[in-house]
Amino acid sequence: MCKIVALTLSPSGSVSFCKCCNKYYLEYGNIQMKISKEEMKQMKTTLESIDLNYWFSDSASKGFDTEKIYIDIRPTAVRLRFNKQEFIQLLQLLDTTVEFVEGIASKVENKWHRN
């Protein structure tokens, strides 16, 4: 049976952790992902690498829908679509969660090394 612990919560999403399967449940809007710690960190890195100002100005100059940004989730064929505010909120949720998880891991390691 899964033992799920809530880690972070924002107005538009949350991240929980399952102790049994060692996976994180990222819920944002109508999306739910079951991902590993490394996948969550990679997703955060990928989102941080996107230059929003360039994306929206470049899309506008090419005549594309400037209201949404599309994020490919590799290696799947899934493509997520966010407006600028949704994108920023998702990145903030991931930032908070990764900081929290890394902070806990650091405290556990420090306690383990002292004993």
PDB file of N, CA and C in Angstrom:
ATOM      1  N   MET A   1       0.838  -1.179   0.000  1.00  0.00           N
ATOM      2  CA  MET A   1       0.000   0.000   0.000  1.00  0.00           C
ATOM      3  C   MET A   1       0.883   1.243   0.000  1.00  0.00           C
ATOM      4  N   CYS A   2       0.540   2.203  -0.811  1.00  0.00           N
ATOM      5  CA  CYS A   2       1.327   3.430  -0.917  1.00  0.00           C
ATOM      6  C   CYS A   2       1.248   4.251   0.373  1.00  0.00           C
ATOM      7  N   LYS A   3       2.361   4.849   0.691  1.00  0.00           N
ATOM      8  CA  LYS A   3       2.430   5.762   1.834  1.00  0.00           C
ATOM      9  C   LYS A   3       2.853   7.109   1.284  1.00  0.00           C
ATOM     10  N   ILE A   4       1.865   7.958   1.023  1.00  0.00           N
ATOM     11  CA  ILE A   4       2.103   9.231   0.352  1.00  0.00           C
ATOM     12  C   ILE A   4       2.167  10.359   1.380  1.00  0.00           C
ATOM     13  N   VAL A   5       3.207  11.188   1.210  1.00  0.00           N
ATOM     14  CA  VAL A   5       3.432  12.321   2.098  1.00  0.00           C
ATOM     15  C   VAL A   5       3.414  13.594   1.246  1.00  0.00           C
ATOM     16  N   ALA A   6       2.610  14.570   1.642  1.00  0.00           N
ATOM     17  CA  ALA A   6       2.577  15.855   0.937  1.00  0.00           C
ATOM     18  C   ALA A   6       3.866  16.618   1.235  1.00  0.00           C
ATOM     19  N   LEU A   7       4.499  17.155   0.193  1.00  0.00           N
ATOM     20  CA  LEU A   7       5.735  17.909   0.360  1.00  0.00           C
ATOM     21  C   LEU A   7       5.539  19.401   0.172  1.00  0.00           C
ATOM     22  N   THR A   8       4.999  19.788  -0.970  1.00  0.00           N
ATOM     23  CA  THR A   8       4.789  21.206  -1.261  1.00  0.00           C
ATOM     24  C   THR A   8       3.404  21.416  -1.852  1.00  0.00           C
ATOM     25  N   LEU A   9       2.886  22.591  -1.615  1.00  0.00           N
ATOM     26  CA  LEU A   9       1.547  22.941  -2.073  1.00  0.00           C
ATOM     27  C   LEU A   9       1.553  24.385  -2.538  1.00  0.00           C
ATOM     28  N   SER A  10       0.959  24.625  -3.687  1.00  0.00           N
ATOM     29  CA  SER A  10       0.778  25.980  -4.194  1.00  0.00           C
ATOM     30  C   SER A  10      -0.681  26.121  -4.609  1.00  0.00           C
ATOM     31  N   PRO A  11      -1.128  27.330  -4.902  1.00  0.00           N
ATOM     32  CA  PRO A  11      -2.530  27.498  -5.305  1.00  0.00           C
ATOM     33  C   PRO A  11      -2.910  26.686  -6.550  1.00  0.00           C
ATOM     34  N   SER A  12      -1.934  26.359  -7.387  1.00  0.00           N
ATOM     35  CA  SER A  12      -2.268  25.657  -8.622  1.00  0.00           C
ATOM     36  C   SER A  12      -1.715  24.243  -8.715  1.00  0.00           C
ATOM     37  N   GLY A  13      -1.005  23.779  -7.684  1.00  0.00           N
ATOM     38  CA  GLY A  13      -0.454  22.439  -7.771  1.00  0.00           C
ATOM     39  C   GLY A  13       0.152  21.960  -6.471  1.00  0.00           C
ATOM     40  N   SER A  14       0.647  20.727  -6.521  1.00  0.00           N
ATOM     41  CA  SER A  14       1.275  20.141  -5.332  1.00  0.00           C
ATOM     42  C   SER A  14       2.251  19.061  -5.760  1.00  0.00           C
ATOM     43  N   VAL A  15       3.146  18.729  -4.819  1.00  0.00           N
ATOM     44  CA  VAL A  15       4.048  17.601  -5.021  1.00  0.00           C
ATOM     45  C   VAL A  15       3.989  16.750  -3.757  1.00  0.00           C
ATOM     46  N   SER A  16       3.777  15.454  -3.958  1.00  0.00           N
ATOM     47  CA  SER A  16       3.746  14.487  -2.866  1.00  0.00           C
ATOM     48  C   SER A  16       4.796  13.426  -3.156  1.00  0.00           C
ATOM     49  N   PHE A  17       5.136  12.649  -2.127  1.00  0.00           N
ATOM     50  CA  PHE A  17       6.142  11.604  -2.266  1.00  0.00           C
ATOM     51  C   PHE A  17       5.573  10.284  -1.766  1.00  0.00           C
ATOM     52  N   CYS A  18       5.780   9.224  -2.535  1.00  0.00           N
ATOM     53  CA  CYS A  18       5.351   7.879  -2.127  1.00  0.00           C
ATOM     54  C   CYS A  18       6.568   7.139  -1.590  1.00  0.00           C
ATOM     55  N   LYS A  19       6.516   6.788  -0.317  1.00  0.00           N
ATOM     56  CA  LYS A  19       7.628   6.096   0.327  1.00  0.00           C
ATOM     57  C   LYS A  19       7.820   4.682  -0.216  1.00  0.00           C
ATOM     58  N   CYS A  20       6.733   4.049  -0.674  1.00  0.00           N
ATOM     59  CA  CYS A  20       6.815   2.664  -1.153  1.00  0.00           C
ATOM     60  C   CYS A  20       7.517   2.562  -2.514  1.00  0.00           C
ATOM     61  N   CYS A  21       7.107   3.399  -3.458  1.00  0.00           N
ATOM     62  CA  CYS A  21       7.683   3.313  -4.805  1.00  0.00           C
ATOM     63  C   CYS A  21       8.793   4.326  -5.044  1.00  0.00           C
ATOM     64  N   ASN A  22       9.055   5.180  -4.040  1.00  0.00           N
ATOM     65  CA  ASN A  22      10.128   6.173  -4.130  1.00  0.00           C
ATOM     66  C   ASN A  22       9.944   7.103  -5.333  1.00  0.00           C
ATOM     67  N   LYS A  23       8.701   7.511  -5.560  1.00  0.00           N
ATOM     68  CA  LYS A  23       8.370   8.403  -6.672  1.00  0.00           C
ATOM     69  C   LYS A  23       7.651   9.639  -6.147  1.00  0.00           C
ATOM     70  N   TYR A  24       7.724  10.695  -6.947  1.00  0.00           N
ATOM     71  CA  TYR A  24       7.062  11.951  -6.628  1.00  0.00           C
ATOM     72  C   TYR A  24       5.827  12.096  -7.508  1.00  0.00           C
ATOM     73  N   TYR A  25       4.755  12.585  -6.916  1.00  0.00           N
ATOM     74  CA  TYR A  25       3.522  12.863  -7.649  1.00  0.00           C
ATOM     75  C   TYR A  25       3.420  14.369  -7.827  1.00  0.00           C
ATOM     76  N   LEU A  26       3.647  14.820  -9.047  1.00  0.00           N
ATOM     77  CA  LEU A  26       3.534  16.227  -9.383  1.00  0.00           C
ATOM     78  C   LEU A  26       2.139  16.448  -9.948  1.00  0.00           C
ATOM     79  N   GLU A  27       1.362  17.261  -9.263  1.00  0.00           N
ATOM     80  CA  GLU A  27       0.025  17.607  -9.740  1.00  0.00           C
ATOM     81  C   GLU A  27       0.000  19.098 -10.002  1.00  0.00           C
ATOM     82  N   TYR A  28      -0.359  19.440 -11.225  1.00  0.00           N
ATOM     83  CA  TYR A  28      -0.413  20.847 -11.605  1.00  0.00           C
ATOM     84  C   TYR A  28      -1.571  21.027 -12.568  1.00  0.00           C
ATOM     85  N   GLY A  29      -2.536  21.859 -12.185  1.00  0.00           N
ATOM     86  CA  GLY A  29      -3.730  22.009 -13.019  1.00  0.00           C
ATOM     87  C   GLY A  29      -4.402  20.660 -13.184  1.00  0.00           C
ATOM     88  N   ASN A  30      -4.582  20.235 -14.423  1.00  0.00           N
ATOM     89  CA  ASN A  30      -5.214  18.934 -14.678  1.00  0.00           C
ATOM     90  C   ASN A  30      -4.184  17.871 -15.073  1.00  0.00           C
ATOM     91  N   ILE A  31      -2.920  18.087 -14.691  1.00  0.00           N
ATOM     92  CA  ILE A  31      -1.839  17.169 -15.020  1.00  0.00           C
ATOM     93  C   ILE A  31      -1.369  16.471 -13.750  1.00  0.00           C
ATOM     94  N   GLN A  32      -1.130  15.174 -13.846  1.00  0.00           N
ATOM     95  CA  GLN A  32      -0.492  14.451 -12.755  1.00  0.00           C
ATOM     96  C   GLN A  32       0.615  13.600 -13.349  1.00  0.00           C
ATOM     97  N   MET A  33       1.808  13.711 -12.769  1.00  0.00           N
ATOM     98  CA  MET A  33       2.951  12.921 -13.217  1.00  0.00           C
ATOM     99  C   MET A  33       3.514  12.158 -12.033  1.00  0.00           C
ATOM    100  N   LYS A  34       3.902  10.932 -12.278  1.00  0.00           N
ATOM    101  CA  LYS A  34       4.589  10.114 -11.287  1.00  0.00           C
ATOM    102  C   LYS A  34       6.034  10.012 -11.772  1.00  0.00           C
ATOM    103  N   ILE A  35       6.937  10.725 -11.085  1.00  0.00           N
ATOM    104  CA  ILE A  35       8.306  10.852 -11.578  1.00  0.00           C
ATOM    105  C   ILE A  35       9.324  10.593 -10.462  1.00  0.00           C
ATOM    106  N   SER A  36      10.533  10.266 -10.871  1.00  0.00           N
ATOM    107  CA  SER A  36      11.619  10.065  -9.918  1.00  0.00           C
ATOM    108  C   SER A  36      12.212  11.424  -9.526  1.00  0.00           C
ATOM    109  N   LYS A  37      13.053  11.410  -8.519  1.00  0.00           N
ATOM    110  CA  LYS A  37      13.734  12.635  -8.090  1.00  0.00           C
ATOM    111  C   LYS A  37      14.569  13.200  -9.236  1.00  0.00           C
ATOM    112  N   GLU A  38      15.289  12.327  -9.935  1.00  0.00           N
ATOM    113  CA  GLU A  38      16.131  12.788 -11.040  1.00  0.00           C
ATOM    114  C   GLU A  38      15.289  13.352 -12.192  1.00  0.00           C
ATOM    115  N   GLU A  39      14.158  12.734 -12.469  1.00  0.00           N
ATOM    116  CA  GLU A  39      13.270  13.248 -13.521  1.00  0.00           C
ATOM    117  C   GLU A  39      12.717  14.622 -13.135  1.00  0.00           C
ATOM    118  N   MET A  40      12.387  14.792 -11.852  1.00  0.00           N
ATOM    119  CA  MET A  40      11.879  16.086 -11.383  1.00  0.00           C
ATOM    120  C   MET A  40      12.970  17.155 -11.517  1.00  0.00           C
ATOM    121  N   LYS A  41      14.192  16.808 -11.133  1.00  0.00           N
ATOM    122  CA  LYS A  41      15.294  17.758 -11.238  1.00  0.00           C
ATOM    123  C   LYS A  41      15.581  18.089 -12.702  1.00  0.00           C
ATOM    124  N   GLN A  42      15.491  17.088 -13.587  1.00  0.00           N
ATOM    125  CA  GLN A  42      15.718  17.323 -15.013  1.00  0.00           C
ATOM    126  C   GLN A  42      14.623  18.216 -15.596  1.00  0.00           C
ATOM    127  N   MET A  43      13.389  17.992 -15.189  1.00  0.00           N
ATOM    128  CA  MET A  43      12.288  18.833 -15.659  1.00  0.00           C
ATOM    129  C   MET A  43      12.505  20.278 -15.225  1.00  0.00           C
ATOM    130  N   LYS A  44      12.920  20.481 -13.989  1.00  0.00           N
ATOM    131  CA  LYS A  44      13.213  21.819 -13.473  1.00  0.00           C
ATOM    132  C   LYS A  44      14.331  22.461 -14.296  1.00  0.00           C
ATOM    133  N   THR A  45      15.390  21.722 -14.561  1.00  0.00           N
ATOM    134  CA  THR A  45      16.514  22.234 -15.350  1.00  0.00           C
ATOM    135  C   THR A  45      16.057  22.614 -16.757  1.00  0.00           C
ATOM    136  N   THR A  46      15.240  21.766 -17.354  1.00  0.00           N
ATOM    137  CA  THR A  46      14.728  22.041 -18.701  1.00  0.00           C
ATOM    138  C   THR A  46      13.896  23.312 -18.714  1.00  0.00           C
ATOM    139  N   LEU A  47      12.983  23.461 -17.753  1.00  0.00           N
ATOM    140  CA  LEU A  47      12.136  24.651 -17.702  1.00  0.00           C
ATOM    141  C   LEU A  47      12.962  25.907 -17.446  1.00  0.00           C
ATOM    142  N   GLU A  48      13.979  25.803 -16.588  1.00  0.00           N
ATOM    143  CA  GLU A  48      14.836  26.957 -16.303  1.00  0.00           C
ATOM    144  C   GLU A  48      15.634  27.405 -17.525  1.00  0.00           C
ATOM    145  N   SER A  49      15.889  26.478 -18.433  1.00  0.00           N
ATOM    146  CA  SER A  49      16.692  26.807 -19.617  1.00  0.00           C
ATOM    147  C   SER A  49      15.890  27.547 -20.693  1.00  0.00           C
ATOM    148  N   ILE A  50      14.593  27.638 -20.519  1.00  0.00           N
ATOM    149  CA  ILE A  50      13.738  28.289 -21.525  1.00  0.00           C
ATOM    150  C   ILE A  50      13.691  29.788 -21.261  1.00  0.00           C
ATOM    151  N   ASP A  51      14.023  30.545 -22.268  1.00  0.00           N
ATOM    152  CA  ASP A  51      13.983  32.006 -22.192  1.00  0.00           C
ATOM    153  C   ASP A  51      12.577  32.463 -22.605  1.00  0.00           C
ATOM    154  N   LEU A  52      11.746  32.754 -21.600  1.00  0.00           N
ATOM    155  CA  LEU A  52      10.355  33.109 -21.880  1.00  0.00           C
ATOM    156  C   LEU A  52      10.223  34.346 -22.758  1.00  0.00           C
ATOM    157  N   ASN A  53      11.019  35.361 -22.493  1.00  0.00           N
ATOM    158  CA  ASN A  53      10.930  36.592 -23.292  1.00  0.00           C
ATOM    159  C   ASN A  53      11.249  36.301 -24.755  1.00  0.00           C
ATOM    160  N   TYR A  54      12.281  35.518 -25.001  1.00  0.00           N
ATOM    161  CA  TYR A  54      12.628  35.151 -26.374  1.00  0.00           C
ATOM    162  C   TYR A  54      11.511  34.325 -27.003  1.00  0.00           C
ATOM    163  N   TRP A  55      11.001  33.332 -26.244  1.00  0.00           N
ATOM    164  CA  TRP A  55       9.954  32.448 -26.760  1.00  0.00           C
ATOM    165  C   TRP A  55       8.747  33.242 -27.234  1.00  0.00           C
ATOM    166  N   PHE A  56       8.265  34.135 -26.389  1.00  0.00           N
ATOM    167  CA  PHE A  56       7.048  34.870 -26.748  1.00  0.00           C
ATOM    168  C   PHE A  56       7.300  35.901 -27.840  1.00  0.00           C
ATOM    169  N   SER A  57       8.442  36.549 -27.865  1.00  0.00           N
ATOM    170  CA  SER A  57       8.722  37.522 -28.924  1.00  0.00           C
ATOM    171  C   SER A  57       8.995  36.804 -30.240  1.00  0.00           C
ATOM    172  N   ASP A  58       9.691  35.654 -30.217  1.00  0.00           N
ATOM    173  CA  ASP A  58       9.992  34.894 -31.420  1.00  0.00           C
ATOM    174  C   ASP A  58       8.712  34.303 -32.008  1.00  0.00           C
ATOM    175  N   SER A  59       7.846  33.781 -31.156  1.00  0.00           N
ATOM    176  CA  SER A  59       6.577  33.218 -31.630  1.00  0.00           C
ATOM    177  C   SER A  59       5.719  34.289 -32.289  1.00  0.00           C
ATOM    178  N   ALA A  60       5.691  35.458 -31.688  1.00  0.00           N
ATOM    179  CA  ALA A  60       4.885  36.555 -32.239  1.00  0.00           C
ATOM    180  C   ALA A  60       5.415  36.966 -33.607  1.00  0.00           C
ATOM    181  N   SER A  61       6.739  37.018 -33.753  1.00  0.00           N
ATOM    182  CA  SER A  61       7.318  37.436 -35.033  1.00  0.00           C
ATOM    183  C   SER A  61       7.053  36.417 -36.140  1.00  0.00           C
ATOM    184  N   LYS A  62       6.825  35.156 -35.757  1.00  0.00           N
ATOM    185  CA  LYS A  62       6.552  34.103 -36.744  1.00  0.00           C
ATOM    186  C   LYS A  62       5.060  33.873 -36.942  1.00  0.00           C
ATOM    187  N   GLY A  63       4.217  34.623 -36.218  1.00  0.00           N
ATOM    188  CA  GLY A  63       2.778  34.519 -36.379  1.00  0.00           C
ATOM    189  C   GLY A  63       2.141  33.378 -35.617  1.00  0.00           C
ATOM    190  N   PHE A  64       2.859  32.810 -34.631  1.00  0.00           N
ATOM    191  CA  PHE A  64       2.298  31.722 -33.835  1.00  0.00           C
ATOM    192  C   PHE A  64       1.482  32.279 -32.685  1.00  0.00           C
ATOM    193  N   ASP A  65       0.736  31.387 -32.050  1.00  0.00           N
ATOM    194  CA  ASP A  65      -0.047  31.730 -30.871  1.00  0.00           C
ATOM    195  C   ASP A  65       0.908  32.173 -29.763  1.00  0.00           C
ATOM    196  N   THR A  66       0.888  33.440 -29.432  1.00  0.00           N
ATOM    197  CA  THR A  66       1.826  33.967 -28.442  1.00  0.00           C
ATOM    198  C   THR A  66       1.301  33.829 -27.021  1.00  0.00           C
ATOM    199  N   GLU A  67       0.120  33.271 -26.881  1.00  0.00           N
ATOM    200  CA  GLU A  67      -0.460  33.113 -25.552  1.00  0.00           C
ATOM    201  C   GLU A  67       0.005  31.847 -24.842  1.00  0.00           C
ATOM    202  N   LYS A  68       0.592  30.895 -25.561  1.00  0.00           N
ATOM    203  CA  LYS A  68       0.950  29.606 -24.985  1.00  0.00           C
ATOM    204  C   LYS A  68       2.381  29.220 -25.330  1.00  0.00           C
ATOM    205  N   ILE A  69       2.986  28.465 -24.422  1.00  0.00           N
ATOM    206  CA  ILE A  69       4.289  27.879 -24.672  1.00  0.00           C
ATOM    207  C   ILE A  69       4.099  26.363 -24.625  1.00  0.00           C
ATOM    208  N   TYR A  70       4.760  25.659 -25.524  1.00  0.00           N
ATOM    209  CA  TYR A  70       4.641  24.213 -25.624  1.00  0.00           C
ATOM    210  C   TYR A  70       5.914  23.561 -25.108  1.00  0.00           C
ATOM    211  N   ILE A  71       5.756  22.586 -24.217  1.00  0.00           N
ATOM    212  CA  ILE A  71       6.891  21.887 -23.627  1.00  0.00           C
ATOM    213  C   ILE A  71       6.764  20.405 -23.959  1.00  0.00           C
ATOM    214  N   ASP A  72       7.746  19.879 -24.686  1.00  0.00           N
ATOM    215  CA  ASP A  72       7.777  18.450 -25.000  1.00  0.00           C
ATOM    216  C   ASP A  72       8.288  17.694 -23.778  1.00  0.00           C
ATOM    217  N   ILE A  73       7.626  16.611 -23.439  1.00  0.00           N
ATOM    218  CA  ILE A  73       8.035  15.746 -22.339  1.00  0.00           C
ATOM    219  C   ILE A  73       8.648  14.500 -22.962  1.00  0.00           C
ATOM    220  N   ARG A  74       9.953  14.481 -23.006  1.00  0.00           N
ATOM    221  CA  ARG A  74      10.670  13.359 -23.619  1.00  0.00           C
ATOM    222  C   ARG A  74      10.908  12.262 -22.589  1.00  0.00           C
ATOM    223  N   PRO A  75      10.933  11.038 -22.971  1.00  0.00           N
ATOM    224  CA  PRO A  75      10.934  10.492 -24.324  1.00  0.00           C
ATOM    225  C   PRO A  75       9.529  10.200 -24.842  1.00  0.00           C
ATOM    226  N   THR A  76       8.496  10.708 -24.189  1.00  0.00           N
ATOM    227  CA  THR A  76       7.121  10.465 -24.634  1.00  0.00           C
ATOM    228  C   THR A  76       6.755  11.418 -25.773  1.00  0.00           C
ATOM    229  N   ALA A  77       5.580  11.230 -26.310  1.00  0.00           N
ATOM    230  CA  ALA A  77       5.059  12.124 -27.342  1.00  0.00           C
ATOM    231  C   ALA A  77       4.135  13.172 -26.728  1.00  0.00           C
ATOM    232  N   VAL A  78       4.201  13.301 -25.414  1.00  0.00           N
ATOM    233  CA  VAL A  78       3.334  14.251 -24.706  1.00  0.00           C
ATOM    234  C   VAL A  78       3.890  15.664 -24.859  1.00  0.00           C
ATOM    235  N   ARG A  79       3.010  16.588 -25.105  1.00  0.00           N
ATOM    236  CA  ARG A  79       3.373  18.003 -25.197  1.00  0.00           C
ATOM    237  C   ARG A  79       2.432  18.779 -24.281  1.00  0.00           C
ATOM    238  N   LEU A  80       3.018  19.501 -23.337  1.00  0.00           N
ATOM    239  CA  LEU A  80       2.228  20.310 -22.412  1.00  0.00           C
ATOM    240  C   LEU A  80       2.175  21.742 -22.919  1.00  0.00           C
ATOM    241  N   ARG A  81       1.057  22.405 -22.659  1.00  0.00           N
ATOM    242  CA  ARG A  81       0.867  23.768 -23.145  1.00  0.00           C
ATOM    243  C   ARG A  81       0.507  24.662 -21.964  1.00  0.00           C
ATOM    244  N   PHE A  82       1.273  25.736 -21.793  1.00  0.00           N
ATOM    245  CA  PHE A  82       1.057  26.661 -20.682  1.00  0.00           C
ATOM    246  C   PHE A  82       1.074  28.091 -21.177  1.00  0.00           C
ATOM    247  N   ASN A  83       0.317  28.951 -20.480  1.00  0.00           N
ATOM    248  CA  ASN A  83       0.520  30.368 -20.716  1.00  0.00           C
ATOM    249  C   ASN A  83       1.696  30.794 -19.845  1.00  0.00           C
ATOM    250  N   LYS A  84       2.124  32.020 -19.974  1.00  0.00           N
ATOM    251  CA  LYS A  84       3.325  32.481 -19.279  1.00  0.00           C
ATOM    252  C   LYS A  84       3.183  32.343 -17.758  1.00  0.00           C
ATOM    253  N   GLN A  85       2.051  32.730 -17.213  1.00  0.00           N
ATOM    254  CA  GLN A  85       1.836  32.662 -15.765  1.00  0.00           C
ATOM    255  C   GLN A  85       1.837  31.220 -15.270  1.00  0.00           C
ATOM    256  N   GLU A  86       1.194  30.324 -16.014  1.00  0.00           N
ATOM    257  CA  GLU A  86       1.173  28.908 -15.631  1.00  0.00           C
ATOM    258  C   GLU A  86       2.588  28.327 -15.637  1.00  0.00           C
ATOM    259  N   PHE A  87       3.352  28.685 -16.653  1.00  0.00           N
ATOM    260  CA  PHE A  87       4.726  28.216 -16.760  1.00  0.00           C
ATOM    261  C   PHE A  87       5.547  28.665 -15.548  1.00  0.00           C
ATOM    262  N   ILE A  88       5.423  29.924 -15.179  1.00  0.00           N
ATOM    263  CA  ILE A  88       6.164  30.471 -14.036  1.00  0.00           C
ATOM    264  C   ILE A  88       5.730  29.784 -12.740  1.00  0.00           C
ATOM    265  N   GLN A  89       4.432  29.557 -12.574  1.00  0.00           N
ATOM    266  CA  GLN A  89       3.942  28.885 -11.366  1.00  0.00           C
ATOM    267  C   GLN A  89       4.447  27.447 -11.275  1.00  0.00           C
ATOM    268  N   LEU A  90       4.486  26.741 -12.389  1.00  0.00           N
ATOM    269  CA  LEU A  90       4.996  25.376 -12.400  1.00  0.00           C
ATOM    270  C   LEU A  90       6.478  25.364 -12.029  1.00  0.00           C
ATOM    271  N   LEU A  91       7.234  26.273 -12.588  1.00  0.00           N
ATOM    272  CA  LEU A  91       8.659  26.351 -12.273  1.00  0.00           C
ATOM    273  C   LEU A  91       8.872  26.679 -10.792  1.00  0.00           C
ATOM    274  N   GLN A  92       8.058  27.575 -10.254  1.00  0.00           N
ATOM    275  CA  GLN A  92       8.168  27.908  -8.826  1.00  0.00           C
ATOM    276  C   GLN A  92       7.846  26.687  -7.958  1.00  0.00           C
ATOM    277  N   LEU A  93       6.837  25.911  -8.338  1.00  0.00           N
ATOM    278  CA  LEU A  93       6.485  24.695  -7.600  1.00  0.00           C
ATOM    279  C   LEU A  93       7.648  23.705  -7.614  1.00  0.00           C
ATOM    280  N   LEU A  94       8.270  23.529  -8.772  1.00  0.00           N
ATOM    281  CA  LEU A  94       9.416  22.626  -8.869  1.00  0.00           C
ATOM    282  C   LEU A  94      10.606  23.156  -8.074  1.00  0.00           C
ATOM    283  N   ASP A  95      10.852  24.465  -8.149  1.00  0.00           N
ATOM    284  CA  ASP A  95      11.944  25.076  -7.375  1.00  0.00           C
ATOM    285  C   ASP A  95      11.779  24.797  -5.889  1.00  0.00           C
ATOM    286  N   THR A  96      10.593  25.074  -5.377  1.00  0.00           N
ATOM    287  CA  THR A  96      10.308  24.881  -3.951  1.00  0.00           C
ATOM    288  C   THR A  96      10.478  23.421  -3.556  1.00  0.00           C
ATOM    289  N   THR A  97       9.971  22.524  -4.384  1.00  0.00           N
ATOM    290  CA  THR A  97      10.045  21.096  -4.071  1.00  0.00           C
ATOM    291  C   THR A  97      11.482  20.592  -4.086  1.00  0.00           C
ATOM    292  N   VAL A  98      12.241  20.937  -5.120  1.00  0.00           N
ATOM    293  CA  VAL A  98      13.625  20.467  -5.212  1.00  0.00           C
ATOM    294  C   VAL A  98      14.448  21.025  -4.050  1.00  0.00           C
ATOM    295  N   GLU A  99      14.256  22.293  -3.711  1.00  0.00           N
ATOM    296  CA  GLU A  99      14.960  22.881  -2.559  1.00  0.00           C
ATOM    297  C   GLU A  99      14.609  22.122  -1.281  1.00  0.00           C
ATOM    298  N   PHE A 100      13.336  21.827  -1.100  1.00  0.00           N
ATOM    299  CA  PHE A 100      12.872  21.102   0.080  1.00  0.00           C
ATOM    300  C   PHE A 100      13.480  19.700   0.143  1.00  0.00           C
ATOM    301  N   VAL A 101      13.411  18.982  -0.963  1.00  0.00           N
ATOM    302  CA  VAL A 101      13.917  17.609  -1.014  1.00  0.00           C
ATOM    303  C   VAL A 101      15.434  17.589  -0.803  1.00  0.00           C
ATOM    304  N   GLU A 102      16.138  18.491  -1.448  1.00  0.00           N
ATOM    305  CA  GLU A 102      17.593  18.552  -1.288  1.00  0.00           C
ATOM    306  C   GLU A 102      17.963  18.941   0.143  1.00  0.00           C
ATOM    307  N   GLY A 103      17.189  19.830   0.754  1.00  0.00           N
ATOM    308  CA  GLY A 103      17.434  20.233   2.135  1.00  0.00           C
ATOM    309  C   GLY A 103      17.261  19.075   3.100  1.00  0.00           C
ATOM    310  N   ILE A 104      16.230  18.284   2.892  1.00  0.00           N
ATOM    311  CA  ILE A 104      15.999  17.110   3.749  1.00  0.00           C
ATOM    312  C   ILE A 104      17.135  16.103   3.564  1.00  0.00           C
ATOM    313  N   ALA A 105      17.521  15.859   2.313  1.00  0.00           N
ATOM    314  CA  ALA A 105      18.596  14.901   2.041  1.00  0.00           C
ATOM    315  C   ALA A 105      19.886  15.353   2.721  1.00  0.00           C
ATOM    316  N   SER A 106      20.165  16.635   2.681  1.00  0.00           N
ATOM    317  CA  SER A 106      21.365  17.179   3.309  1.00  0.00           C
ATOM    318  C   SER A 106      21.333  16.991   4.825  1.00  0.00           C
ATOM    319  N   LYS A 107      20.173  17.254   5.432  1.00  0.00           N
ATOM    320  CA  LYS A 107      20.038  17.086   6.885  1.00  0.00           C
ATOM    321  C   LYS A 107      20.204  15.624   7.287  1.00  0.00           C
ATOM    322  N   VAL A 108      19.642  14.716   6.508  1.00  0.00           N
ATOM    323  CA  VAL A 108      19.762  13.284   6.801  1.00  0.00           C
ATOM    324  C   VAL A 108      21.220  12.857   6.695  1.00  0.00           C
ATOM    325  N   GLU A 109      21.904  13.304   5.641  1.00  0.00           N
ATOM    326  CA  GLU A 109      23.310  12.954   5.457  1.00  0.00           C
ATOM    327  C   GLU A 109      24.149  13.485   6.609  1.00  0.00           C
ATOM    328  N   ASN A 110      23.922  14.739   7.007  1.00  0.00           N
ATOM    329  CA  ASN A 110      24.682  15.333   8.101  1.00  0.00           C
ATOM    330  C   ASN A 110      24.457  14.566   9.410  1.00  0.00           C
ATOM    331  N   LYS A 111      23.226  14.187   9.660  1.00  0.00           N
ATOM    332  CA  LYS A 111      22.913  13.440  10.881  1.00  0.00           C
ATOM    333  C   LYS A 111      23.585  12.063  10.828  1.00  0.00           C
ATOM    334  N   TRP A 112      23.555  11.430   9.680  1.00  0.00           N
ATOM    335  CA  TRP A 112      24.136  10.100   9.520  1.00  0.00           C
ATOM    336  C   TRP A 112      25.651  10.155   9.717  1.00  0.00           C
ATOM    337  N   HIS A 113      26.313  11.210   9.178  1.00  0.00           N
ATOM    338  CA  HIS A 113      27.760  11.345   9.298  1.00  0.00           C
ATOM    339  C   HIS A 113      28.200  11.651  10.726  1.00  0.00           C
ATOM    340  N   ARG A 114      27.355  12.326  11.501  1.00  0.00           N
ATOM    341  CA  ARG A 114      27.694  12.661  12.882  1.00  0.00           C
ATOM    342  C   ARG A 114      27.630  11.434  13.780  1.00  0.00           C
ATOM    343  N   ASN A 115      26.784  10.486  13.444  1.00  0.00           N
ATOM    344  CA  ASN A 115      26.600   9.290  14.299  1.00  0.00           C
ATOM    345  C   ASN A 115      27.597   8.216  14.009  1.00  0.00           C
TER     346      ASN A 115
END
